[in-house]
Amino acid sequence: MTQATFRVWRGERGSGSFSEYRTEITEGMVVLDAIHQIQAEQAGDLAVRWNCKAGKCGSCSAEVNGMPRLMCMTRMNQLDLSEPITVEPMRAFPHVRDLVTDVSWNFEVKKQIRKFTPRTPEAADGSWRMQQVDVDRVQEFRKCIECFLCQDVCHVLRDHNRHGEFIGPRFFVYAAALEMHPLDTANRLPALKNAHGLGYCNITKCCTRVCPEGITITDNAIIPLKERVVDEFYDPIVRLVRLFRGGKTTSPGTT
């Protein structure tokens, strides 16, 4: 049996400090087990959010040794137990208490994205037909459990607090799932370019690295959306075609 030292953030509404606890670690434990053990034996008032303990609900998101992680999926044998293990709340969202943050901003952002708008069914029975390759392309994006770790690690939200101008990686994944859906007819490109702040992303791939579902956020969602925006608003050939056809050209700064 091994002893480990934890430095756990304690406090309310953004103020507080780390408190140190030592607890016993047994084989197979994850960080959430250790936090529950500390809560049961030493700190009965420690606030922590969790639900499934199976890596599927996204509730136990926190920062372990400075890295956004699901506590229930971070095994103790992956960590250096000779050093104190820091556990603190996500930094990109308002602090509530101890390890709990208010992530409600994310649900408000989701409401701003145009919903799925399917084309008229072409079959007599009211159904649609899709190619399997088109289905497979968006299926990856449906794995998101909305843990918001990608939001937390993104420097635009974490360091620059651009919450009013930038929807973040999770919702670029959501928008990509809609934009790439073979049945969808809505155009979200003007909103992605302007209101949703797609241009702020500098594709560092930090969001992809922390995704517990292994979604290739940057390469498969964000970069294709950027390419579509460039094609729509900045491609000179497209603008010339529109001009010769008598269509309305769109300047880079407008929608």
C-alpha atoms as a PDB file:
ATOM      1  CA  MET A   1       0.000   0.000   0.000  1.00  0.00           C
ATOM      2  CA  THR A   2       1.318   3.453  -0.982  1.00  0.00           C
ATOM      3  CA  GLN A   3       0.754   6.891   0.470  1.00  0.00           C
ATOM      4  CA  ALA A   4       0.247   9.885  -1.814  1.00  0.00           C
ATOM      5  CA  THR A   5       0.087  13.596  -1.088  1.00  0.00           C
ATOM      6  CA  PHE A   6      -2.662  15.663  -2.685  1.00  0.00           C
ATOM      7  CA  ARG A   7      -2.827  19.439  -2.915  1.00  0.00           C
ATOM      8  CA  VAL A   8      -6.537  20.135  -3.425  1.00  0.00           C
ATOM      9  CA  TRP A   9      -7.974  23.572  -4.157  1.00  0.00           C
ATOM     10  CA  ARG A  10     -10.376  24.692  -1.438  1.00  0.00           C
ATOM     11  CA  GLY A  11     -12.401  27.891  -1.535  1.00  0.00           C
ATOM     12  CA  GLU A  12     -15.435  29.646  -2.992  1.00  0.00           C
ATOM     13  CA  ARG A  13     -16.162  32.032  -5.879  1.00  0.00           C
ATOM     14  CA  GLY A  14     -12.601  32.351  -7.092  1.00  0.00           C
ATOM     15  CA  SER A  15     -10.868  32.820  -3.755  1.00  0.00           C
ATOM     16  CA  GLY A  16      -9.124  30.079  -1.830  1.00  0.00           C
ATOM     17  CA  SER A  17      -5.893  28.120  -1.559  1.00  0.00           C
ATOM     18  CA  PHE A  18      -4.489  24.617  -1.750  1.00  0.00           C
ATOM     19  CA  SER A  19      -4.977  22.285   1.195  1.00  0.00           C
ATOM     20  CA  GLU A  20      -2.683  19.294   1.603  1.00  0.00           C
ATOM     21  CA  TYR A  21      -3.929  15.775   2.334  1.00  0.00           C
ATOM     22  CA  ARG A  22      -2.173  12.420   2.550  1.00  0.00           C
ATOM     23  CA  THR A  23      -4.120   9.305   1.721  1.00  0.00           C
ATOM     24  CA  GLU A  24      -3.486   5.651   0.962  1.00  0.00           C
ATOM     25  CA  ILE A  25      -3.442   4.514  -2.655  1.00  0.00           C
ATOM     26  CA  THR A  26      -4.303   0.954  -3.619  1.00  0.00           C
ATOM     27  CA  GLU A  27      -4.034  -0.855  -6.935  1.00  0.00           C
ATOM     28  CA  GLY A  28      -6.528   0.242  -9.585  1.00  0.00           C
ATOM     29  CA  MET A  29      -7.419   3.598  -8.011  1.00  0.00           C
ATOM     30  CA  VAL A  30      -8.123   6.681 -10.096  1.00  0.00           C
ATOM     31  CA  VAL A  31      -7.850  10.304  -8.963  1.00  0.00           C
ATOM     32  CA  LEU A  32     -11.600  10.486  -8.304  1.00  0.00           C
ATOM     33  CA  ASP A  33     -11.298   7.499  -5.924  1.00  0.00           C
ATOM     34  CA  ALA A  34      -8.599   9.332  -3.998  1.00  0.00           C
ATOM     35  CA  ILE A  35     -10.664  12.523  -3.838  1.00  0.00           C
ATOM     36  CA  HIS A  36     -13.660  10.551  -2.550  1.00  0.00           C
ATOM     37  CA  GLN A  37     -11.428   8.893   0.036  1.00  0.00           C
ATOM     38  CA  ILE A  38     -10.147  12.286   1.202  1.00  0.00           C
ATOM     39  CA  GLN A  39     -13.742  13.532   1.301  1.00  0.00           C
ATOM     40  CA  ALA A  40     -14.839  10.541   3.391  1.00  0.00           C
ATOM     41  CA  GLU A  41     -11.935  10.509   5.829  1.00  0.00           C
ATOM     42  CA  GLN A  42     -10.549  14.037   6.113  1.00  0.00           C
ATOM     43  CA  ALA A  43     -12.652  16.699   4.383  1.00  0.00           C
ATOM     44  CA  GLY A  44     -16.358  15.946   4.567  1.00  0.00           C
ATOM     45  CA  ASP A  45     -17.283  19.345   3.125  1.00  0.00           C
ATOM     46  CA  LEU A  46     -15.100  19.015  -0.004  1.00  0.00           C
ATOM     47  CA  ALA A  47     -17.215  19.869  -3.058  1.00  0.00           C
ATOM     48  CA  VAL A  48     -16.637  17.755  -6.170  1.00  0.00           C
ATOM     49  CA  ARG A  49     -18.902  17.065  -9.140  1.00  0.00           C
ATOM     50  CA  TRP A  50     -19.184  13.540 -10.516  1.00  0.00           C
ATOM     51  CA  ASN A  51     -21.789  11.082 -11.765  1.00  0.00           C
ATOM     52  CA  CYS A  52     -21.013   7.958 -13.798  1.00  0.00           C
ATOM     53  CA  LYS A  53     -17.368   7.268 -12.818  1.00  0.00           C
ATOM     54  CA  ALA A  54     -17.026   5.615 -16.213  1.00  0.00           C
ATOM     55  CA  GLY A  55     -15.736   8.433 -18.434  1.00  0.00           C
ATOM     56  CA  LYS A  56     -19.067   8.977 -20.156  1.00  0.00           C
ATOM     57  CA  CYS A  57     -20.864  11.805 -18.327  1.00  0.00           C
ATOM     58  CA  GLY A  58     -18.083  14.425 -18.325  1.00  0.00           C
ATOM     59  CA  SER A  59     -19.011  15.617 -14.827  1.00  0.00           C
ATOM     60  CA  CYS A  60     -15.698  15.133 -13.003  1.00  0.00           C
ATOM     61  CA  SER A  61     -13.600  17.435 -15.191  1.00  0.00           C
ATOM     62  CA  ALA A  62     -10.789  19.131 -13.273  1.00  0.00           C
ATOM     63  CA  GLU A  63      -7.115  19.980 -13.625  1.00  0.00           C
ATOM     64  CA  VAL A  64      -4.698  17.351 -12.390  1.00  0.00           C
ATOM     65  CA  ASN A  65      -1.109  18.580 -12.173  1.00  0.00           C
ATOM     66  CA  GLY A  66      -2.129  21.510 -14.352  1.00  0.00           C
ATOM     67  CA  MET A  67      -3.656  19.413 -17.151  1.00  0.00           C
ATOM     68  CA  PRO A  68      -7.423  19.294 -17.840  1.00  0.00           C
ATOM     69  CA  ARG A  69      -8.556  15.709 -17.252  1.00  0.00           C
ATOM     70  CA  LEU A  70     -11.468  13.533 -16.219  1.00  0.00           C
ATOM     71  CA  MET A  71     -10.620  12.505 -12.661  1.00  0.00           C
ATOM     72  CA  CYS A  72     -12.371   9.160 -13.124  1.00  0.00           C
ATOM     73  CA  MET A  73     -10.159   8.301 -16.108  1.00  0.00           C
ATOM     74  CA  THR A  74      -6.820   9.425 -14.618  1.00  0.00           C
ATOM     75  CA  ARG A  75      -5.211   6.412 -13.018  1.00  0.00           C
ATOM     76  CA  MET A  76      -2.982   6.877 -10.025  1.00  0.00           C
ATOM     77  CA  ASN A  77      -0.325   4.594 -11.502  1.00  0.00           C
ATOM     78  CA  GLN A  78       0.072   7.123 -14.338  1.00  0.00           C
ATOM     79  CA  LEU A  79       1.203   9.811 -11.890  1.00  0.00           C
ATOM     80  CA  ASP A  80       4.452  10.403 -10.042  1.00  0.00           C
ATOM     81  CA  LEU A  81       3.475   9.681  -6.434  1.00  0.00           C
ATOM     82  CA  SER A  82       6.815  10.941  -5.123  1.00  0.00           C
ATOM     83  CA  GLU A  83       5.576  14.481  -5.784  1.00  0.00           C
ATOM     84  CA  PRO A  84       2.371  16.144  -4.499  1.00  0.00           C
ATOM     85  CA  ILE A  85      -0.537  15.762  -6.918  1.00  0.00           C
ATOM     86  CA  THR A  86      -2.425  19.008  -7.474  1.00  0.00           C
ATOM     87  CA  VAL A  87      -6.144  18.888  -8.155  1.00  0.00           C
ATOM     88  CA  GLU A  88      -7.930  22.139  -8.950  1.00  0.00           C
ATOM     89  CA  PRO A  89     -11.072  23.342 -10.757  1.00  0.00           C
ATOM     90  CA  MET A  90     -11.141  24.184 -14.471  1.00  0.00           C
ATOM     91  CA  ARG A  91      -9.798  27.698 -14.994  1.00  0.00           C
ATOM     92  CA  ALA A  92     -11.851  28.719 -18.025  1.00  0.00           C
ATOM     93  CA  PHE A  93     -15.166  28.888 -16.145  1.00  0.00           C
ATOM     94  CA  PRO A  94     -16.467  30.717 -13.055  1.00  0.00           C
ATOM     95  CA  HIS A  95     -15.483  29.040  -9.811  1.00  0.00           C
ATOM     96  CA  VAL A  96     -18.305  27.902  -7.522  1.00  0.00           C
ATOM     97  CA  ARG A  97     -16.699  25.958  -4.694  1.00  0.00           C
ATOM     98  CA  ASP A  98     -13.626  23.762  -4.252  1.00  0.00           C
ATOM     99  CA  LEU A  99     -13.399  21.633  -7.427  1.00  0.00           C
ATOM    100  CA  VAL A 100     -16.751  22.705  -8.864  1.00  0.00           C
ATOM    101  CA  THR A 101     -17.116  25.286 -11.654  1.00  0.00           C
ATOM    102  CA  ASP A 102     -20.150  26.820 -13.374  1.00  0.00           C
ATOM    103  CA  VAL A 103     -20.189  25.519 -16.961  1.00  0.00           C
ATOM    104  CA  SER A 104     -23.644  26.882 -17.842  1.00  0.00           C
ATOM    105  CA  TRP A 105     -22.100  29.343 -20.334  1.00  0.00           C
ATOM    106  CA  ASN A 106     -21.509  26.406 -22.650  1.00  0.00           C
ATOM    107  CA  PHE A 107     -25.197  25.529 -22.819  1.00  0.00           C
ATOM    108  CA  GLU A 108     -26.082  29.119 -23.670  1.00  0.00           C
ATOM    109  CA  VAL A 109     -23.508  29.083 -26.473  1.00  0.00           C
ATOM    110  CA  LYS A 110     -25.060  25.947 -27.947  1.00  0.00           C
ATOM    111  CA  LYS A 111     -28.383  27.749 -28.316  1.00  0.00           C
ATOM    112  CA  GLN A 112     -26.729  30.345 -30.585  1.00  0.00           C
ATOM    113  CA  ILE A 113     -25.774  27.811 -33.268  1.00  0.00           C
ATOM    114  CA  ARG A 114     -28.322  27.263 -36.030  1.00  0.00           C
ATOM    115  CA  LYS A 115     -30.038  23.923 -35.576  1.00  0.00           C
ATOM    116  CA  PHE A 116     -30.155  21.023 -37.981  1.00  0.00           C
ATOM    117  CA  THR A 117     -32.237  22.008 -41.002  1.00  0.00           C
ATOM    118  CA  PRO A 118     -32.819  19.006 -43.283  1.00  0.00           C
ATOM    119  CA  ARG A 119     -33.695  19.216 -46.939  1.00  0.00           C
ATOM    120  CA  THR A 120     -37.058  18.019 -48.195  1.00  0.00           C
ATOM    121  CA  PRO A 121     -37.216  14.204 -48.287  1.00  0.00           C
ATOM    122  CA  GLU A 122     -36.787  12.885 -51.797  1.00  0.00           C
ATOM    123  CA  ALA A 123     -38.299   9.455 -51.173  1.00  0.00           C
ATOM    124  CA  ALA A 124     -42.028   8.830 -51.398  1.00  0.00           C
ATOM    125  CA  ASP A 125     -42.091   7.427 -47.873  1.00  0.00           C
ATOM    126  CA  GLY A 126     -40.659  10.641 -46.434  1.00  0.00           C
ATOM    127  CA  SER A 127     -37.206   9.224 -45.738  1.00  0.00           C
ATOM    128  CA  TRP A 128     -33.756  10.322 -46.894  1.00  0.00           C
ATOM    129  CA  ARG A 129     -30.894   8.486 -48.542  1.00  0.00           C
ATOM    130  CA  MET A 130     -27.270   9.054 -47.544  1.00  0.00           C
ATOM    131  CA  GLN A 131     -23.941   7.584 -48.552  1.00  0.00           C
ATOM    132  CA  GLN A 132     -22.181   5.655 -45.795  1.00  0.00           C
ATOM    133  CA  VAL A 133     -19.025   7.745 -46.252  1.00  0.00           C
ATOM    134  CA  ASP A 134     -21.033  10.874 -45.384  1.00  0.00           C
ATOM    135  CA  VAL A 135     -22.459   9.183 -42.302  1.00  0.00           C
ATOM    136  CA  ASP A 136     -19.003   8.086 -41.171  1.00  0.00           C
ATOM    137  CA  ARG A 137     -17.580  11.585 -41.577  1.00  0.00           C
ATOM    138  CA  VAL A 138     -19.810  13.139 -38.903  1.00  0.00           C
ATOM    139  CA  GLN A 139     -20.144  10.097 -36.650  1.00  0.00           C
ATOM    140  CA  GLU A 140     -16.903  10.910 -34.811  1.00  0.00           C
ATOM    141  CA  PHE A 141     -18.289  14.242 -33.648  1.00  0.00           C
ATOM    142  CA  ARG A 142     -21.249  12.543 -31.956  1.00  0.00           C
ATOM    143  CA  LYS A 143     -18.929  10.921 -29.403  1.00  0.00           C
ATOM    144  CA  CYS A 144     -18.550  14.210 -27.491  1.00  0.00           C
ATOM    145  CA  ILE A 145     -19.588  13.851 -23.819  1.00  0.00           C
ATOM    146  CA  GLU A 146     -19.446  17.609 -23.154  1.00  0.00           C
ATOM    147  CA  CYS A 147     -16.843  17.374 -20.431  1.00  0.00           C
ATOM    148  CA  PHE A 148     -15.590  20.780 -21.675  1.00  0.00           C
ATOM    149  CA  LEU A 149     -11.946  19.857 -21.179  1.00  0.00           C
ATOM    150  CA  CYS A 150     -11.239  21.135 -24.692  1.00  0.00           C
ATOM    151  CA  GLN A 151     -12.862  24.427 -23.745  1.00  0.00           C
ATOM    152  CA  ASP A 152     -10.774  24.625 -20.588  1.00  0.00           C
ATOM    153  CA  VAL A 153      -7.427  23.987 -22.280  1.00  0.00           C
ATOM    154  CA  CYS A 154      -8.079  26.427 -25.156  1.00  0.00           C
ATOM    155  CA  HIS A 155      -5.910  29.524 -24.619  1.00  0.00           C
ATOM    156  CA  VAL A 156      -8.529  31.813 -26.186  1.00  0.00           C
ATOM    157  CA  LEU A 157     -10.893  31.038 -23.290  1.00  0.00           C
ATOM    158  CA  ARG A 158      -8.413  30.028 -20.584  1.00  0.00           C
ATOM    159  CA  ASP A 159      -5.894  32.853 -20.924  1.00  0.00           C
ATOM    160  CA  HIS A 160      -7.659  35.573 -22.911  1.00  0.00           C
ATOM    161  CA  ASN A 161     -11.245  35.219 -21.610  1.00  0.00           C
ATOM    162  CA  ARG A 162     -12.843  35.726 -25.051  1.00  0.00           C
ATOM    163  CA  HIS A 163     -16.070  34.033 -23.964  1.00  0.00           C
ATOM    164  CA  GLY A 164     -18.182  36.739 -25.597  1.00  0.00           C
ATOM    165  CA  GLU A 165     -16.479  36.372 -28.983  1.00  0.00           C
ATOM    166  CA  PHE A 166     -15.428  32.729 -29.234  1.00  0.00           C
ATOM    167  CA  ILE A 167     -17.529  29.592 -28.873  1.00  0.00           C
ATOM    168  CA  GLY A 168     -14.608  27.215 -28.350  1.00  0.00           C
ATOM    169  CA  PRO A 169     -13.549  23.796 -29.687  1.00  0.00           C
ATOM    170  CA  ARG A 170     -16.514  21.856 -28.364  1.00  0.00           C
ATOM    171  CA  PHE A 171     -18.950  23.959 -30.360  1.00  0.00           C
ATOM    172  CA  PHE A 172     -16.821  23.995 -33.484  1.00  0.00           C
ATOM    173  CA  VAL A 173     -17.196  20.212 -33.305  1.00  0.00           C
ATOM    174  CA  TYR A 174     -20.956  20.654 -32.928  1.00  0.00           C
ATOM    175  CA  ALA A 175     -21.080  23.108 -35.845  1.00  0.00           C
ATOM    176  CA  ALA A 176     -18.934  20.809 -37.987  1.00  0.00           C
ATOM    177  CA  ALA A 177     -21.299  17.912 -37.343  1.00  0.00           C
ATOM    178  CA  LEU A 178     -24.118  20.060 -38.723  1.00  0.00           C
ATOM    179  CA  GLU A 179     -22.201  21.718 -41.570  1.00  0.00           C
ATOM    180  CA  MET A 180     -20.894  18.389 -42.846  1.00  0.00           C
ATOM    181  CA  HIS A 181     -24.184  16.556 -42.494  1.00  0.00           C
ATOM    182  CA  PRO A 182     -25.303  15.531 -46.001  1.00  0.00           C
ATOM    183  CA  LEU A 183     -28.932  16.463 -45.318  1.00  0.00           C
ATOM    184  CA  ASP A 184     -28.422  19.856 -43.684  1.00  0.00           C
ATOM    185  CA  THR A 185     -29.240  23.022 -45.640  1.00  0.00           C
ATOM    186  CA  ALA A 186     -28.432  25.820 -43.151  1.00  0.00           C
ATOM    187  CA  ASN A 187     -25.429  28.108 -43.701  1.00  0.00           C
ATOM    188  CA  ARG A 188     -23.468  28.726 -40.499  1.00  0.00           C
ATOM    189  CA  LEU A 189     -20.319  30.091 -42.149  1.00  0.00           C
ATOM    190  CA  PRO A 190     -21.074  33.820 -41.638  1.00  0.00           C
ATOM    191  CA  ALA A 191     -21.721  33.218 -37.923  1.00  0.00           C
ATOM    192  CA  LEU A 192     -18.616  31.032 -37.572  1.00  0.00           C
ATOM    193  CA  LYS A 193     -16.498  33.748 -39.175  1.00  0.00           C
ATOM    194  CA  ASN A 194     -17.880  36.664 -37.181  1.00  0.00           C
ATOM    195  CA  ALA A 195     -20.040  36.003 -34.106  1.00  0.00           C
ATOM    196  CA  HIS A 196     -18.454  32.643 -33.198  1.00  0.00           C
ATOM    197  CA  GLY A 197     -14.820  33.719 -33.609  1.00  0.00           C
ATOM    198  CA  LEU A 198     -13.448  30.805 -35.629  1.00  0.00           C
ATOM    199  CA  GLY A 199     -10.492  32.973 -36.684  1.00  0.00           C
ATOM    200  CA  TYR A 200      -9.202  33.180 -33.103  1.00  0.00           C
ATOM    201  CA  CYS A 201      -8.220  29.504 -33.187  1.00  0.00           C
ATOM    202  CA  ASN A 202      -4.553  29.086 -34.138  1.00  0.00           C
ATOM    203  CA  ILE A 203      -4.805  25.266 -34.392  1.00  0.00           C
ATOM    204  CA  THR A 204      -2.328  24.349 -31.643  1.00  0.00           C
ATOM    205  CA  LYS A 205      -4.196  21.024 -31.254  1.00  0.00           C
ATOM    206  CA  CYS A 206      -4.228  21.284 -27.454  1.00  0.00           C
ATOM    207  CA  CYS A 207      -7.984  20.570 -27.532  1.00  0.00           C
ATOM    208  CA  THR A 208      -7.431  17.345 -29.457  1.00  0.00           C
ATOM    209  CA  ARG A 209      -4.809  16.186 -26.949  1.00  0.00           C
ATOM    210  CA  VAL A 210      -7.121  16.437 -23.919  1.00  0.00           C
ATOM    211  CA  CYS A 211     -10.267  14.933 -25.495  1.00  0.00           C
ATOM    212  CA  PRO A 212     -11.126  11.758 -23.533  1.00  0.00           C
ATOM    213  CA  GLU A 213     -13.129  10.416 -26.488  1.00  0.00           C
ATOM    214  CA  GLY A 214     -10.224  10.777 -28.898  1.00  0.00           C
ATOM    215  CA  ILE A 215     -12.070  13.135 -31.253  1.00  0.00           C
ATOM    216  CA  THR A 216      -9.675  14.661 -33.772  1.00  0.00           C
ATOM    217  CA  ILE A 217     -11.047  18.125 -33.075  1.00  0.00           C
ATOM    218  CA  THR A 218      -8.474  20.238 -34.898  1.00  0.00           C
ATOM    219  CA  ASP A 219      -7.852  18.235 -38.060  1.00  0.00           C
ATOM    220  CA  ASN A 220     -11.357  16.897 -38.652  1.00  0.00           C
ATOM    221  CA  ALA A 221     -13.559  19.753 -37.404  1.00  0.00           C
ATOM    222  CA  ILE A 222     -11.809  23.108 -36.974  1.00  0.00           C
ATOM    223  CA  ILE A 223      -9.503  23.066 -40.015  1.00  0.00           C
ATOM    224  CA  PRO A 224     -12.278  21.980 -42.435  1.00  0.00           C
ATOM    225  CA  LEU A 225     -14.494  24.770 -41.066  1.00  0.00           C
ATOM    226  CA  LYS A 226     -11.676  27.284 -41.575  1.00  0.00           C
ATOM    227  CA  GLU A 227     -11.257  26.048 -45.151  1.00  0.00           C
ATOM    228  CA  ARG A 228     -14.968  26.504 -45.824  1.00  0.00           C
ATOM    229  CA  VAL A 229     -14.876  30.054 -44.456  1.00  0.00           C
ATOM    230  CA  VAL A 230     -11.863  30.893 -46.636  1.00  0.00           C
ATOM    231  CA  ASP A 231     -13.578  29.431 -49.706  1.00  0.00           C
ATOM    232  CA  GLU A 232     -16.758  31.384 -48.984  1.00  0.00           C
ATOM    233  CA  PHE A 233     -15.303  34.786 -48.135  1.00  0.00           C
ATOM    234  CA  TYR A 234     -11.720  35.016 -49.391  1.00  0.00           C
ATOM    235  CA  ASP A 235     -11.312  32.831 -52.484  1.00  0.00           C
ATOM    236  CA  PRO A 236     -10.678  35.273 -55.411  1.00  0.00           C
ATOM    237  CA  ILE A 237     -11.878  32.767 -58.002  1.00  0.00           C
ATOM    238  CA  VAL A 238     -15.208  32.327 -56.263  1.00  0.00           C
ATOM    239  CA  ARG A 239     -15.570  36.096 -56.063  1.00  0.00           C
ATOM    240  CA  LEU A 240     -14.838  36.487 -59.788  1.00  0.00           C
ATOM    241  CA  VAL A 241     -17.367  33.801 -60.699  1.00  0.00           C
ATOM    242  CA  ARG A 242     -19.990  35.572 -58.626  1.00  0.00           C
ATOM    243  CA  LEU A 243     -19.103  38.883 -60.250  1.00  0.00           C
ATOM    244  CA  PHE A 244     -19.411  37.545 -63.818  1.00  0.00           C
ATOM    245  CA  ARG A 245     -22.661  35.825 -62.988  1.00  0.00           C
ATOM    246  CA  GLY A 246     -24.031  39.079 -61.656  1.00  0.00           C
ATOM    247  CA  GLY A 247     -24.132  37.750 -58.135  1.00  0.00           C
ATOM    248  CA  LYS A 248     -23.370  39.706 -55.004  1.00  0.00           C
ATOM    249  CA  THR A 249     -19.764  39.564 -53.913  1.00  0.00           C
ATOM    250  CA  THR A 250     -18.969  39.469 -50.232  1.00  0.00           C
ATOM    251  CA  SER A 251     -16.124  41.560 -48.894  1.00  0.00           C
ATOM    252  CA  PRO A 252     -13.839  39.954 -46.289  1.00  0.00           C
ATOM    253  CA  GLY A 253     -15.247  42.063 -43.494  1.00  0.00           C
ATOM    254  CA  THR A 254     -18.919  41.424 -44.125  1.00  0.00           C
ATOM    255  CA  THR A 255     -21.367  38.569 -44.285  1.00  0.00           C
END
